[in-house]
Every structure is written in C-alpha cells, then in structure tokens.
Amino acid sequence: MALAELRHEIEESVLFWGFWEEARLDAVMGLQEVRDVALIRHAYTRRASQGHGLGSALLKRLQQETFRPLLVGTWQAATWAIAFYRRHGFRLVTTAQKDDLLQRYWTVPARQRAESVVLADARWFAARGQQH
C-alpha cells in the first residue's frame, strides 16, 4: 500500500495493528467501524511469515476491540483468504446480502463488487436470526 493510501485509510478511521520483526512489518490488519458493523480492512501477512499464527493473533485482537459484528470483503479468487476466515468461524453471506453489504459499507467499483465475496462473523448472523 502506498503511503498516500495508508494516510487516507487512517483519515477514514481505519485503525491498524501489526507484527514487526526488526524493521520489517510481517503482518498487518485494520479495523474500521462503519455505522453498526466493523470492517476488517487490509489484512496482509508476508509470505515468509504465513503459517506462524500472526494473522490469527491479529484477528483475535480485532475481535476483542469491538462488540460490533465483523465483516470482511475479499476477492472470490482469494481462496486462501476465504479459507482463513472460515477457519475462524466466519461464513460467506448470500450473493444478495453481499451486494447490499458492499454498497452499504464499502466504496468499491462495480467490477470489484462482482468479483468479491463478503464473510461475516457469528454476531452478524445472530443479529439477523440466522444460526448455523
């Protein structure tokens, strides 16, 4: 992410947490509260640092930072990201829900909306009376 984009995200109230090894950022994850939900934003782990629990630890931290339901959007082709969130109890929302959520909480172009998925945590589903 370019520095200008990072500054913009911080101005938009995205709070970031990360893991540093010496002077290198190995993993980062952002949290943005928007209306009645919290969005997971910009979750990245360096390839060499993957599989060491950094992303899981960051996700746990974000879950502790808010009582709001958590949503995360990602490219549907990012199967590794989808699998990561599913391992942590997130579930894919329906296509209709995805389209509504992307329009309501994110600002993304039409192509990205078409190629994206949204996953939600148990709090989001429970608030809508949708259990497993």
C-alpha atoms as a PDB file:
ATOM      1  CA  MET A   1       0.000   0.000   0.000  1.00  0.00           C
ATOM      2  CA  ALA A   2       1.341   3.387  -0.925  1.00  0.00           C
ATOM      3  CA  LEU A   3       1.917   5.884   1.872  1.00  0.00           C
ATOM      4  CA  ALA A   4      -0.758   8.228   0.483  1.00  0.00           C
ATOM      5  CA  GLU A   5      -3.320   5.402   0.552  1.00  0.00           C
ATOM      6  CA  LEU A   6      -2.325   4.488   4.106  1.00  0.00           C
ATOM      7  CA  ARG A   7      -2.795   8.089   5.209  1.00  0.00           C
ATOM      8  CA  HIS A   8      -6.191   8.173   3.511  1.00  0.00           C
ATOM      9  CA  GLU A   9      -7.274   4.967   5.266  1.00  0.00           C
ATOM     10  CA  ILE A  10      -6.174   6.353   8.648  1.00  0.00           C
ATOM     11  CA  GLU A  11      -8.106   9.564   7.912  1.00  0.00           C
ATOM     12  CA  GLU A  12     -11.126   7.325   7.234  1.00  0.00           C
ATOM     13  CA  SER A  13     -10.760   5.950  10.804  1.00  0.00           C
ATOM     14  CA  VAL A  14      -9.111   2.634   9.954  1.00  0.00           C
ATOM     15  CA  LEU A  15      -7.081   1.538  12.986  1.00  0.00           C
ATOM     16  CA  PHE A  16      -4.133  -0.743  12.234  1.00  0.00           C
ATOM     17  CA  TRP A  17      -2.357  -3.415  14.270  1.00  0.00           C
ATOM     18  CA  GLY A  18       0.725  -5.263  13.139  1.00  0.00           C
ATOM     19  CA  PHE A  19       3.623  -7.545  13.943  1.00  0.00           C
ATOM     20  CA  TRP A  20       7.139  -6.237  13.409  1.00  0.00           C
ATOM     21  CA  GLU A  21      10.324  -8.277  13.124  1.00  0.00           C
ATOM     22  CA  GLU A  22      13.223  -5.868  13.495  1.00  0.00           C
ATOM     23  CA  ALA A  23      12.406  -3.106  10.991  1.00  0.00           C
ATOM     24  CA  ARG A  24      10.097  -5.244   8.840  1.00  0.00           C
ATOM     25  CA  LEU A  25       6.314  -5.340   9.102  1.00  0.00           C
ATOM     26  CA  ASP A  26       5.405  -9.039   8.851  1.00  0.00           C
ATOM     27  CA  ALA A  27       1.626  -8.816   9.268  1.00  0.00           C
ATOM     28  CA  VAL A  28      -0.976  -6.067   9.447  1.00  0.00           C
ATOM     29  CA  MET A  29      -4.742  -5.889   9.859  1.00  0.00           C
ATOM     30  CA  GLY A  30      -7.053  -2.904  10.055  1.00  0.00           C
ATOM     31  CA  LEU A  31     -10.400  -2.323  11.719  1.00  0.00           C
ATOM     32  CA  GLN A  32     -12.924   0.290  10.637  1.00  0.00           C
ATOM     33  CA  GLU A  33     -16.195   0.846  12.452  1.00  0.00           C
ATOM     34  CA  VAL A  34     -18.881   1.877   9.964  1.00  0.00           C
ATOM     35  CA  ARG A  35     -22.395   2.512  11.202  1.00  0.00           C
ATOM     36  CA  ASP A  36     -23.463  -0.664  13.047  1.00  0.00           C
ATOM     37  CA  VAL A  37     -20.647  -3.027  11.950  1.00  0.00           C
ATOM     38  CA  ALA A  38     -16.865  -3.237  11.967  1.00  0.00           C
ATOM     39  CA  LEU A  39     -14.959  -3.972   8.773  1.00  0.00           C
ATOM     40  CA  ILE A  40     -11.702  -5.888   8.645  1.00  0.00           C
ATOM     41  CA  ARG A  41      -9.506  -3.902   6.282  1.00  0.00           C
ATOM     42  CA  HIS A  42      -6.135  -4.508   4.658  1.00  0.00           C
ATOM     43  CA  ALA A  43      -5.206  -7.853   6.200  1.00  0.00           C
ATOM     44  CA  TYR A  44      -1.809  -8.955   4.936  1.00  0.00           C
ATOM     45  CA  THR A  45       0.912 -11.335   6.082  1.00  0.00           C
ATOM     46  CA  ARG A  46       4.270 -11.578   4.341  1.00  0.00           C
ATOM     47  CA  ARG A  47       4.522 -14.882   2.522  1.00  0.00           C
ATOM     48  CA  ALA A  48       7.588 -15.924   4.552  1.00  0.00           C
ATOM     49  CA  SER A  49       5.683 -15.229   7.783  1.00  0.00           C
ATOM     50  CA  GLN A  50       2.498 -17.094   6.868  1.00  0.00           C
ATOM     51  CA  GLY A  51       1.581 -20.148   8.900  1.00  0.00           C
ATOM     52  CA  HIS A  52       3.056 -18.783  12.134  1.00  0.00           C
ATOM     53  CA  GLY A  53      -0.209 -17.557  13.671  1.00  0.00           C
ATOM     54  CA  LEU A  54       0.311 -13.844  13.063  1.00  0.00           C
ATOM     55  CA  GLY A  55      -2.928 -13.381  11.115  1.00  0.00           C
ATOM     56  CA  SER A  56      -4.860 -15.416  13.675  1.00  0.00           C
ATOM     57  CA  ALA A  57      -3.449 -13.314  16.520  1.00  0.00           C
ATOM     58  CA  LEU A  58      -4.329 -10.087  14.722  1.00  0.00           C
ATOM     59  CA  LEU A  59      -7.854 -11.296  14.008  1.00  0.00           C
ATOM     60  CA  LYS A  60      -8.315 -12.229  17.667  1.00  0.00           C
ATOM     61  CA  ARG A  61      -7.138  -8.751  18.668  1.00  0.00           C
ATOM     62  CA  LEU A  62      -9.610  -7.094  16.309  1.00  0.00           C
ATOM     63  CA  GLN A  63     -12.425  -9.260  17.656  1.00  0.00           C
ATOM     64  CA  GLN A  64     -11.564  -8.013  21.147  1.00  0.00           C
ATOM     65  CA  GLU A  65     -11.526  -4.374  20.012  1.00  0.00           C
ATOM     66  CA  THR A  66     -15.194  -4.210  19.035  1.00  0.00           C
ATOM     67  CA  PHE A  67     -18.543  -5.566  20.076  1.00  0.00           C
ATOM     68  CA  ARG A  68     -19.965  -4.859  16.622  1.00  0.00           C
ATOM     69  CA  PRO A  69     -20.499  -7.641  14.104  1.00  0.00           C
ATOM     70  CA  LEU A  70     -17.442  -8.118  11.904  1.00  0.00           C
ATOM     71  CA  LEU A  71     -17.491  -8.205   8.110  1.00  0.00           C
ATOM     72  CA  VAL A  72     -14.658  -8.779   5.678  1.00  0.00           C
ATOM     73  CA  GLY A  73     -14.704  -8.438   1.916  1.00  0.00           C
ATOM     74  CA  THR A  74     -12.220 -10.116  -0.379  1.00  0.00           C
ATOM     75  CA  TRP A  75     -11.837 -11.252  -3.963  1.00  0.00           C
ATOM     76  CA  GLN A  76     -13.675 -14.524  -4.591  1.00  0.00           C
ATOM     77  CA  ALA A  77     -10.472 -15.807  -6.232  1.00  0.00           C
ATOM     78  CA  ALA A  78      -8.579 -15.317  -2.938  1.00  0.00           C
ATOM     79  CA  THR A  79      -9.432 -18.816  -1.769  1.00  0.00           C
ATOM     80  CA  TRP A  80      -6.632 -18.768   0.837  1.00  0.00           C
ATOM     81  CA  ALA A  81      -8.172 -15.670   2.476  1.00  0.00           C
ATOM     82  CA  ILE A  82     -11.666 -17.171   2.420  1.00  0.00           C
ATOM     83  CA  ALA A  83     -10.324 -20.381   3.987  1.00  0.00           C
ATOM     84  CA  PHE A  84      -8.531 -18.360   6.690  1.00  0.00           C
ATOM     85  CA  TYR A  85     -11.691 -16.535   7.756  1.00  0.00           C
ATOM     86  CA  ARG A  86     -13.791 -19.700   7.568  1.00  0.00           C
ATOM     87  CA  ARG A  87     -11.317 -21.436   9.919  1.00  0.00           C
ATOM     88  CA  HIS A  88     -12.014 -18.609  12.342  1.00  0.00           C
ATOM     89  CA  GLY A  89     -15.799 -19.008  12.263  1.00  0.00           C
ATOM     90  CA  PHE A  90     -16.714 -16.546   9.521  1.00  0.00           C
ATOM     91  CA  ARG A  91     -19.260 -17.597   6.933  1.00  0.00           C
ATOM     92  CA  LEU A  92     -19.994 -16.412   3.422  1.00  0.00           C
ATOM     93  CA  VAL A  93     -23.126 -14.322   3.073  1.00  0.00           C
ATOM     94  CA  THR A  94     -25.510 -14.836   0.166  1.00  0.00           C
ATOM     95  CA  THR A  95     -24.923 -13.031  -3.117  1.00  0.00           C
ATOM     96  CA  ALA A  96     -27.858 -10.700  -2.448  1.00  0.00           C
ATOM     97  CA  GLN A  97     -26.539  -9.926   1.040  1.00  0.00           C
ATOM     98  CA  LYS A  98     -23.037  -9.385  -0.375  1.00  0.00           C
ATOM     99  CA  ASP A  99     -24.282  -6.876  -2.931  1.00  0.00           C
ATOM    100  CA  ASP A 100     -26.234  -4.997  -0.267  1.00  0.00           C
ATOM    101  CA  LEU A 101     -23.330  -5.003   2.219  1.00  0.00           C
ATOM    102  CA  LEU A 102     -20.744  -3.884  -0.330  1.00  0.00           C
ATOM    103  CA  GLN A 103     -22.974  -0.998  -1.354  1.00  0.00           C
ATOM    104  CA  ARG A 104     -23.819  -0.051   2.230  1.00  0.00           C
ATOM    105  CA  TYR A 105     -20.417  -0.270   3.937  1.00  0.00           C
ATOM    106  CA  TRP A 106     -17.709  -0.110   1.267  1.00  0.00           C
ATOM    107  CA  THR A 107     -16.907   2.128  -1.677  1.00  0.00           C
ATOM    108  CA  VAL A 108     -15.850  -0.235  -4.445  1.00  0.00           C
ATOM    109  CA  PRO A 109     -16.239  -0.172  -8.218  1.00  0.00           C
ATOM    110  CA  ALA A 110     -18.826  -2.384  -9.919  1.00  0.00           C
ATOM    111  CA  ARG A 111     -16.209  -4.826 -11.235  1.00  0.00           C
ATOM    112  CA  GLN A 112     -14.825  -5.352  -7.748  1.00  0.00           C
ATOM    113  CA  ARG A 113     -18.332  -5.877  -6.342  1.00  0.00           C
ATOM    114  CA  ALA A 114     -18.973  -8.513  -8.994  1.00  0.00           C
ATOM    115  CA  GLU A 115     -15.720 -10.357  -8.214  1.00  0.00           C
ATOM    116  CA  SER A 116     -15.903 -10.110  -4.418  1.00  0.00           C
ATOM    117  CA  VAL A 117     -17.346 -12.092  -1.544  1.00  0.00           C
ATOM    118  CA  VAL A 118     -18.233 -10.971   1.963  1.00  0.00           C
ATOM    119  CA  LEU A 119     -17.792 -13.077   5.055  1.00  0.00           C
ATOM    120  CA  ALA A 120     -19.468 -12.316   8.374  1.00  0.00           C
ATOM    121  CA  ASP A 121     -18.875 -13.459  11.918  1.00  0.00           C
ATOM    122  CA  ALA A 122     -21.394 -15.246  14.144  1.00  0.00           C
ATOM    123  CA  ARG A 123     -22.523 -11.927  15.695  1.00  0.00           C
ATOM    124  CA  TRP A 124     -23.668 -10.677  12.300  1.00  0.00           C
ATOM    125  CA  PHE A 125     -25.659 -13.834  11.563  1.00  0.00           C
ATOM    126  CA  ALA A 126     -27.111 -13.926  15.102  1.00  0.00           C
ATOM    127  CA  ALA A 127     -28.307 -10.329  14.782  1.00  0.00           C
ATOM    128  CA  ARG A 128     -30.311 -11.447  11.749  1.00  0.00           C
ATOM    129  CA  GLY A 129     -31.651 -14.604  13.399  1.00  0.00           C
ATOM    130  CA  GLN A 130     -29.528 -16.812  11.136  1.00  0.00           C
ATOM    131  CA  GLN A 131     -27.759 -19.564  13.040  1.00  0.00           C
ATOM    132  CA  HIS A 132     -25.504 -22.241  11.566  1.00  0.00           C
END
